[in-house]
């Protein structure tokens, strides 16, 4: 199903196309991620105040990157995205509530954009 040209392999273009179209295991994975975003968001909210503060997000993402084998420099780079985090804080509370998470994140648009940019 993913091997569109039947050559026995899956190229980056075929994988990107499958992601765009939501095919097979790739589509299932995207659906799983989208379906669990709110749960992941709630898991990052360490103090359970209903908002994820920058330090909570940095900690959660840092742990995930470390578990995936990222270098210390790659983990440290997470902190460079604080301005993006602040931009999502629509009400200026210092944290992001689920309602402030951009729709393009929660509806899968962001993942589809990433697929469009794949080779």
Foldseek 3Di string as FASTA:
>chain_A
DLPVVPPPDHDQLSLLVCCLVLDDPNVVVLVVCLVCVVVVQCVLPVVNPQFHALVSVLVVVLVVCVVVPHDPVVSVCSVVCVVVQCVLCVVNPRTHHPVSDDPCSNVVVVVNVVSVPTD
